[in-house]
PDB file of N, CA and C in Angstrom:
ATOM      1  N   MET A   1     -50.977  88.578 121.049  1.00  0.00           N
ATOM      2  CA  MET A   1     -50.312  87.353 120.361  1.00  0.00           C
ATOM      3  C   MET A   1     -50.631  85.608 120.588  1.00  0.00           C
ATOM      4  N   SER A   2     -50.862  84.541 120.106  1.00  0.00           N
ATOM      5  CA  SER A   2     -50.942  83.956 120.301  1.00  0.00           C
ATOM      6  C   SER A   2     -50.278  82.924 120.830  1.00  0.00           C
ATOM      7  N   ASP A   3     -50.616  81.551 121.910  1.00  0.00           N
ATOM      8  CA  ASP A   3     -49.259  81.411 122.257  1.00  0.00           C
ATOM      9  C   ASP A   3     -49.125  80.082 121.028  1.00  0.00           C
ATOM     10  N   HIS A   4     -50.141  80.254 120.501  1.00  0.00           N
ATOM     11  CA  HIS A   4     -49.508  79.212 119.321  1.00  0.00           C
ATOM     12  C   HIS A   4     -48.346  80.049 118.562  1.00  0.00           C
ATOM     13  N   ASP A   5     -48.800  81.426 118.339  1.00  0.00           N
ATOM     14  CA  ASP A   5     -47.519  81.937 117.836  1.00  0.00           C
ATOM     15  C   ASP A   5     -46.028  82.192 118.378  1.00  0.00           C
ATOM     16  N   VAL A   6     -46.595  82.507 119.602  1.00  0.00           N
ATOM     17  CA  VAL A   6     -45.109  82.468 120.233  1.00  0.00           C
ATOM     18  C   VAL A   6     -44.133  81.716 120.162  1.00  0.00           C
ATOM     19  N   ILE A   7     -45.123  80.200 120.664  1.00  0.00           N
ATOM     20  CA  ILE A   7     -43.822  78.909 120.622  1.00  0.00           C
ATOM     21  C   ILE A   7     -43.486  78.544 119.081  1.00  0.00           C
ATOM     22  N   ARG A   8     -44.506  79.077 117.648  1.00  0.00           N
ATOM     23  CA  ARG A   8     -43.910  78.329 116.695  1.00  0.00           C
ATOM     24  C   ARG A   8     -42.795  79.198 116.554  1.00  0.00           C
ATOM     25  N   MET A   9     -42.446  80.443 117.023  1.00  0.00           N
ATOM     26  CA  MET A   9     -41.720  81.444 116.554  1.00  0.00           C
ATOM     27  C   MET A   9     -40.419  81.045 117.545  1.00  0.00           C
ATOM     28  N   VAL A  10     -40.583  80.631 118.187  1.00  0.00           N
ATOM     29  CA  VAL A  10     -39.563  79.970 119.058  1.00  0.00           C
ATOM     30  C   VAL A  10     -38.565  78.910 118.944  1.00  0.00           C
ATOM     31  N   ASN A  11     -40.165  77.980 118.678  1.00  0.00           N
ATOM     32  CA  ASN A  11     -39.335  77.219 117.570  1.00  0.00           C
ATOM     33  C   ASN A  11     -38.767  77.110 116.456  1.00  0.00           C
ATOM     34  N   GLN A  12     -38.965  77.814 115.953  1.00  0.00           N
ATOM     35  CA  GLN A  12     -38.412  78.421 114.137  1.00  0.00           C
ATOM     36  C   GLN A  12     -36.909  79.029 115.044  1.00  0.00           C
ATOM     37  N   ILE A  13     -36.727  79.580 115.639  1.00  0.00           N
ATOM     38  CA  ILE A  13     -35.595  80.454 116.227  1.00  0.00           C
ATOM     39  C   ILE A  13     -34.444  78.979 116.989  1.00  0.00           C
ATOM     40  N   ALA A  14     -34.800  78.415 117.241  1.00  0.00           N
ATOM     41  CA  ALA A  14     -34.001  77.017 117.831  1.00  0.00           C
ATOM     42  C   ALA A  14     -33.703  76.587 116.821  1.00  0.00           C
ATOM     43  N   GLN A  15     -34.950  75.739 115.920  1.00  0.00           N
ATOM     44  CA  GLN A  15     -34.084  75.710 114.633  1.00  0.00           C
ATOM     45  C   GLN A  15     -32.885  75.873 114.661  1.00  0.00           C
ATOM     46  N   PHE A  16     -32.710  77.038 113.795  1.00  0.00           N
ATOM     47  CA  PHE A  16     -32.155  77.755 113.263  1.00  0.00           C
ATOM     48  C   PHE A  16     -30.982  77.455 114.394  1.00  0.00           C
ATOM     49  N   PHE A  17     -30.097  77.896 115.169  1.00  0.00           N
ATOM     50  CA  PHE A  17     -29.199  77.399 116.693  1.00  0.00           C
ATOM     51  C   PHE A  17     -28.960  75.827 116.676  1.00  0.00           C
ATOM     52  N   ALA A  18     -29.758  75.384 116.506  1.00  0.00           N
ATOM     53  CA  ALA A  18     -29.505  73.487 116.395  1.00  0.00           C
ATOM     54  C   ALA A  18     -28.312  73.256 116.419  1.00  0.00           C
ATOM     55  N   PRO A  19     -27.561  73.498 115.140  1.00  0.00           N
ATOM     56  CA  PRO A  19     -26.642  73.242 114.932  1.00  0.00           C
ATOM     57  C   PRO A  19     -24.834  73.823 116.001  1.00  0.00           C
ATOM     58  N   TYR A  20     -25.636  74.350 116.131  1.00  0.00           N
ATOM     59  CA  TYR A  20     -24.798  75.205 117.170  1.00  0.00           C
ATOM     60  C   TYR A  20     -24.793  73.971 118.350  1.00  0.00           C
ATOM     61  N   PRO A  21     -23.123  74.322 119.326  1.00  0.00           N
ATOM     62  CA  PRO A  21     -23.043  73.498 120.103  1.00  0.00           C
ATOM     63  C   PRO A  21     -24.633  73.790 121.130  1.00  0.00           C
ATOM     64  N   GLU A  22     -24.659  72.829 122.683  1.00  0.00           N
ATOM     65  CA  GLU A  22     -26.011  73.462 123.580  1.00  0.00           C
ATOM     66  C   GLU A  22     -25.472  74.819 123.828  1.00  0.00           C
ATOM     67  N   THR A  23     -24.835  75.077 124.714  1.00  0.00           N
ATOM     68  CA  THR A  23     -24.701  75.720 125.025  1.00  0.00           C
ATOM     69  C   THR A  23     -24.631  77.575 124.147  1.00  0.00           C
ATOM     70  N   ASP A  24     -23.763  77.538 123.143  1.00  0.00           N
ATOM     71  CA  ASP A  24     -24.315  78.616 122.304  1.00  0.00           C
ATOM     72  C   ASP A  24     -25.989  78.532 121.863  1.00  0.00           C
ATOM     73  N   ALA A  25     -26.360  77.332 121.375  1.00  0.00           N
ATOM     74  CA  ALA A  25     -27.695  77.572 121.143  1.00  0.00           C
ATOM     75  C   ALA A  25     -29.016  78.100 121.939  1.00  0.00           C
ATOM     76  N   VAL A  26     -28.727  78.155 123.838  1.00  0.00           N
ATOM     77  CA  VAL A  26     -29.223  77.962 124.020  1.00  0.00           C
ATOM     78  C   VAL A  26     -29.431  79.691 124.340  1.00  0.00           C
ATOM     79  N   GLU A  27     -27.855  80.267 123.935  1.00  0.00           N
ATOM     80  CA  GLU A  27     -27.410  81.283 124.499  1.00  0.00           C
ATOM     81  C   GLU A  27     -27.967  82.248 123.328  1.00  0.00           C
ATOM     82  N   GLY A  28     -27.758  81.906 122.315  1.00  0.00           N
ATOM     83  CA  GLY A  28     -28.328  82.719 120.971  1.00  0.00           C
ATOM     84  C   GLY A  28     -29.700  82.923 120.706  1.00  0.00           C
ATOM     85  N   ILE A  29     -30.861  82.046 120.984  1.00  0.00           N
ATOM     86  CA  ILE A  29     -32.473  82.165 120.776  1.00  0.00           C
ATOM     87  C   ILE A  29     -32.489  82.925 122.225  1.00  0.00           C
ATOM     88  N   HIS A  30     -32.383  83.165 123.549  1.00  0.00           N
ATOM     89  CA  HIS A  30     -31.868  83.525 124.392  1.00  0.00           C
ATOM     90  C   HIS A  30     -31.755  85.331 124.484  1.00  0.00           C
ATOM     91  N   ASP A  31     -30.755  85.773 123.529  1.00  0.00           N
ATOM     92  CA  ASP A  31     -29.970  86.776 123.069  1.00  0.00           C
ATOM     93  C   ASP A  31     -31.458  87.357 122.268  1.00  0.00           C
ATOM     94  N   HIS A  32     -31.648  86.196 121.892  1.00  0.00           N
ATOM     95  CA  HIS A  32     -32.304  87.160 119.794  1.00  0.00           C
ATOM     96  C   HIS A  32     -33.814  87.713 120.568  1.00  0.00           C
ATOM     97  N   MET A  33     -34.524  86.482 121.640  1.00  0.00           N
ATOM     98  CA  MET A  33     -36.096  87.318 122.523  1.00  0.00           C
ATOM     99  C   MET A  33     -35.501  88.308 123.012  1.00  0.00           C
ATOM    100  N   VAL A  34     -34.635  88.630 123.715  1.00  0.00           N
ATOM    101  CA  VAL A  34     -34.170  89.527 124.093  1.00  0.00           C
ATOM    102  C   VAL A  34     -34.024  90.732 123.566  1.00  0.00           C
ATOM    103  N   LYS A  35     -33.472  90.626 122.281  1.00  0.00           N
ATOM    104  CA  LYS A  35     -32.891  91.702 121.663  1.00  0.00           C
ATOM    105  C   LYS A  35     -34.097  92.042 120.601  1.00  0.00           C
ATOM    106  N   PHE A  36     -35.178  91.450 120.333  1.00  0.00           N
ATOM    107  CA  PHE A  36     -36.484  91.357 119.097  1.00  0.00           C
ATOM    108  C   PHE A  36     -36.854  90.950 119.833  1.00  0.00           C
ATOM    109  N   TRP A  37     -37.269  91.147 120.686  1.00  0.00           N
ATOM    110  CA  TRP A  37     -38.598  90.295 121.165  1.00  0.00           C
ATOM    111  C   TRP A  37     -39.628  91.492 121.898  1.00  0.00           C
ATOM    112  N   PRO A  38     -40.629  92.623 122.015  1.00  0.00           N
ATOM    113  CA  PRO A  38     -41.187  93.047 123.296  1.00  0.00           C
ATOM    114  C   PRO A  38     -41.438  92.710 124.239  1.00  0.00           C
ATOM    115  N   PRO A  39     -41.606  92.909 125.150  1.00  0.00           N
ATOM    116  CA  PRO A  39     -41.434  92.920 126.800  1.00  0.00           C
ATOM    117  C   PRO A  39     -42.149  91.479 126.357  1.00  0.00           C
ATOM    118  N   ALA A  40     -44.099  91.779 126.142  1.00  0.00           N
ATOM    119  CA  ALA A  40     -44.964  91.410 126.341  1.00  0.00           C
ATOM    120  C   ALA A  40     -45.132  89.850 125.441  1.00  0.00           C
ATOM    121  N   MET A  41     -43.196  89.425 124.415  1.00  0.00           N
ATOM    122  CA  MET A  41     -43.991  88.800 123.837  1.00  0.00           C
ATOM    123  C   MET A  41     -43.154  87.595 124.905  1.00  0.00           C
ATOM    124  N   ARG A  42     -41.795  88.221 125.679  1.00  0.00           N
ATOM    125  CA  ARG A  42     -41.086  87.585 126.143  1.00  0.00           C
ATOM    126  C   ARG A  42     -42.258  86.888 127.470  1.00  0.00           C
ATOM    127  N   ARG A  43     -42.767  87.437 128.326  1.00  0.00           N
ATOM    128  CA  ARG A  43     -43.777  87.166 129.387  1.00  0.00           C
ATOM    129  C   ARG A  43     -44.452  86.227 128.905  1.00  0.00           C
ATOM    130  N   GLU A  44     -45.372  86.497 127.745  1.00  0.00           N
ATOM    131  CA  GLU A  44     -46.188  85.183 127.511  1.00  0.00           C
ATOM    132  C   GLU A  44     -45.372  84.278 127.113  1.00  0.00           C
ATOM    133  N   LEU A  45     -44.244  83.638 126.752  1.00  0.00           N
ATOM    134  CA  LEU A  45     -43.549  82.559 126.787  1.00  0.00           C
ATOM    135  C   LEU A  45     -43.346  82.245 127.887  1.00  0.00           C
ATOM    136  N   ALA A  46     -42.469  83.512 128.526  1.00  0.00           N
ATOM    137  CA  ALA A  46     -42.552  82.707 130.415  1.00  0.00           C
ATOM    138  C   ALA A  46     -44.017  82.421 130.763  1.00  0.00           C
ATOM    139  N   ALA A  47     -44.902  82.864 130.559  1.00  0.00           N
ATOM    140  CA  ALA A  47     -46.067  82.256 131.433  1.00  0.00           C
ATOM    141  C   ALA A  47     -46.013  81.002 131.160  1.00  0.00           C
ATOM    142  N   LEU A  48     -46.094  80.332 129.816  1.00  0.00           N
ATOM    143  CA  LEU A  48     -46.048  79.516 128.854  1.00  0.00           C
ATOM    144  C   LEU A  48     -45.121  78.158 129.811  1.00  0.00           C
ATOM    145  N   VAL A  49     -44.105  78.601 130.021  1.00  0.00           N
ATOM    146  CA  VAL A  49     -42.787  77.569 130.187  1.00  0.00           C
ATOM    147  C   VAL A  49     -43.178  77.831 132.436  1.00  0.00           C
ATOM    148  N   HIS A  50     -43.424  78.438 132.355  1.00  0.00           N
ATOM    149  CA  HIS A  50     -43.811  78.558 134.478  1.00  0.00           C
ATOM    150  C   HIS A  50     -44.590  77.925 134.472  1.00  0.00           C
ATOM    151  N   GLY A  51     -45.814  77.668 133.805  1.00  0.00           N
ATOM    152  CA  GLY A  51     -47.226  76.839 133.684  1.00  0.00           C
ATOM    153  C   GLY A  51     -47.878  77.810 134.338  1.00  0.00           C
ATOM    154  N   SER A  52     -48.152  78.854 134.177  1.00  0.00           N
ATOM    155  CA  SER A  52     -49.429  79.968 134.578  1.00  0.00           C
ATOM    156  C   SER A  52     -50.611  80.129 133.187  1.00  0.00           C
ATOM    157  N   ALA A  53     -49.554  79.418 132.013  1.00  0.00           N
ATOM    158  CA  ALA A  53     -51.013  79.566 130.719  1.00  0.00           C
ATOM    159  C   ALA A  53     -50.709  77.536 130.428  1.00  0.00           C
ATOM    160  N   ASN A  54     -51.232  77.254 130.057  1.00  0.00           N
ATOM    161  CA  ASN A  54     -51.539  76.224 128.907  1.00  0.00           C
ATOM    162  C   ASN A  54     -50.556  76.199 128.149  1.00  0.00           C
ATOM    163  N   THR A  55     -49.929  74.978 127.684  1.00  0.00           N
ATOM    164  CA  THR A  55     -49.274  75.000 126.515  1.00  0.00           C
ATOM    165  C   THR A  55     -49.832  74.185 125.466  1.00  0.00           C
ATOM    166  N   PRO A  56     -49.957  74.727 124.064  1.00  0.00           N
ATOM    167  CA  PRO A  56     -50.952  74.318 123.194  1.00  0.00           C
ATOM    168  C   PRO A  56     -49.540  72.850 122.043  1.00  0.00           C
ATOM    169  N   GLU A  57     -48.788  73.232 122.513  1.00  0.00           N
ATOM    170  CA  GLU A  57     -47.696  72.440 121.735  1.00  0.00           C
ATOM    171  C   GLU A  57     -46.241  72.647 121.956  1.00  0.00           C
ATOM    172  N   ALA A  58     -45.501  71.620 122.095  1.00  0.00           N
ATOM    173  CA  ALA A  58     -43.823  71.399 122.182  1.00  0.00           C
ATOM    174  C   ALA A  58     -43.071  72.429 121.823  1.00  0.00           C
ATOM    175  N   LEU A  59     -42.192  73.001 122.797  1.00  0.00           N
ATOM    176  CA  LEU A  59     -41.795  73.994 122.163  1.00  0.00           C
ATOM    177  C   LEU A  59     -40.068  72.531 122.645  1.00  0.00           C
ATOM    178  N   HIS A  60     -39.318  72.951 121.118  1.00  0.00           N
ATOM    179  CA  HIS A  60     -38.053  72.266 121.300  1.00  0.00           C
ATOM    180  C   HIS A  60     -37.064  72.692 122.523  1.00  0.00           C
ATOM    181  N   PRO A  61     -36.424  71.302 122.475  1.00  0.00           N
ATOM    182  CA  PRO A  61     -35.640  71.606 123.893  1.00  0.00           C
ATOM    183  C   PRO A  61     -35.246  72.426 124.273  1.00  0.00           C
ATOM    184  N   LEU A  62     -34.494  72.878 122.925  1.00  0.00           N
ATOM    185  CA  LEU A  62     -33.392  74.358 123.290  1.00  0.00           C
ATOM    186  C   LEU A  62     -34.789  75.717 123.336  1.00  0.00           C
ATOM    187  N   ALA A  63     -35.305  75.578 122.447  1.00  0.00           N
ATOM    188  CA  ALA A  63     -36.424  76.936 123.121  1.00  0.00           C
ATOM    189  C   ALA A  63     -36.819  76.558 125.036  1.00  0.00           C
ATOM    190  N   LEU A  64     -37.203  75.672 124.781  1.00  0.00           N
ATOM    191  CA  LEU A  64     -37.471  75.579 127.010  1.00  0.00           C
ATOM    192  C   LEU A  64     -36.145  75.670 127.723  1.00  0.00           C
ATOM    193  N   GLN A  65     -35.326  75.862 127.114  1.00  0.00           N
ATOM    194  CA  GLN A  65     -34.241  75.734 128.300  1.00  0.00           C
ATOM    195  C   GLN A  65     -33.889  77.966 127.726  1.00  0.00           C
ATOM    196  N   ALA A  66     -33.941  77.997 126.988  1.00  0.00           N
ATOM    197  CA  ALA A  66     -33.511  79.306 126.229  1.00  0.00           C
ATOM    198  C   ALA A  66     -34.805  80.957 127.518  1.00  0.00           C
ATOM    199  N   ALA A  67     -35.806  79.330 127.047  1.00  0.00           N
ATOM    200  CA  ALA A  67     -37.530  80.719 128.186  1.00  0.00           C
ATOM    201  C   ALA A  67     -36.900  80.353 129.745  1.00  0.00           C
ATOM    202  N   GLN A  68     -36.409  79.637 130.016  1.00  0.00           N
ATOM    203  CA  GLN A  68     -37.163  79.051 131.462  1.00  0.00           C
ATOM    204  C   GLN A  68     -35.752  80.191 131.856  1.00  0.00           C
ATOM    205  N   ARG A  69     -34.591  80.853 131.120  1.00  0.00           N
ATOM    206  CA  ARG A  69     -33.506  81.997 131.870  1.00  0.00           C
ATOM    207  C   ARG A  69     -34.462  83.349 130.995  1.00  0.00           C
ATOM    208  N   LEU A  70     -35.808  83.739 131.194  1.00  0.00           N
ATOM    209  CA  LEU A  70     -36.184  84.593 130.233  1.00  0.00           C
ATOM    210  C   LEU A  70     -36.462  84.933 132.109  1.00  0.00           C
ATOM    211  N   ASP A  71     -36.460  84.568 133.137  1.00  0.00           N
ATOM    212  CA  ASP A  71     -36.658  85.315 134.080  1.00  0.00           C
ATOM    213  C   ASP A  71     -35.397  85.399 135.621  1.00  0.00           C
ATOM    214  N   ALA A  72     -34.294  84.587 134.785  1.00  0.00           N
ATOM    215  CA  ALA A  72     -33.187  84.690 135.970  1.00  0.00           C
ATOM    216  C   ALA A  72     -32.473  85.989 135.448  1.00  0.00           C
ATOM    217  N   PRO A  73     -31.977  86.795 136.705  1.00  0.00           N
ATOM    218  CA  PRO A  73     -30.521  87.984 135.807  1.00  0.00           C
ATOM    219  C   PRO A  73     -29.733  86.766 135.133  1.00  0.00           C
ATOM    220  N   PRO A  74     -28.789  88.417 133.955  1.00  0.00           N
ATOM    221  CA  PRO A  74     -28.137  87.905 133.545  1.00  0.00           C
ATOM    222  C   PRO A  74     -26.995  87.592 134.097  1.00  0.00           C
ATOM    223  N   PRO A  75     -26.115  86.915 133.287  1.00  0.00           N
ATOM    224  CA  PRO A  75     -25.081  85.761 133.700  1.00  0.00           C
ATOM    225  C   PRO A  75     -23.814  86.931 133.796  1.00  0.00           C
ATOM    226  N   LEU A  76     -22.699  86.745 135.356  1.00  0.00           N
ATOM    227  CA  LEU A  76     -21.327  88.012 135.481  1.00  0.00           C
ATOM    228  C   LEU A  76     -20.683  88.011 134.228  1.00  0.00           C
ATOM    229  N   PRO A  77     -20.014  89.498 133.943  1.00  0.00           N
ATOM    230  CA  PRO A  77     -18.819  88.264 132.962  1.00  0.00           C
ATOM    231  C   PRO A  77     -18.079  88.026 133.667  1.00  0.00           C
TER     232      PRO A  77
END
């Protein structure tokens, strides 16, 4: 999948969650990616966010926050 497609898709998810409170929106975007995106797509987005690839277009601010959590361990209950 191209970088453009991955960014477009995560930005669409971010637009859906944009009306939610910021914390809930970031959590919702992250959860969606973990549940429905294959590991390869998550790795590709993580590479874009963490600078090992060129970002051809801007990520929605909520999408960026959620993507930055992809490498973080899940929070404790």
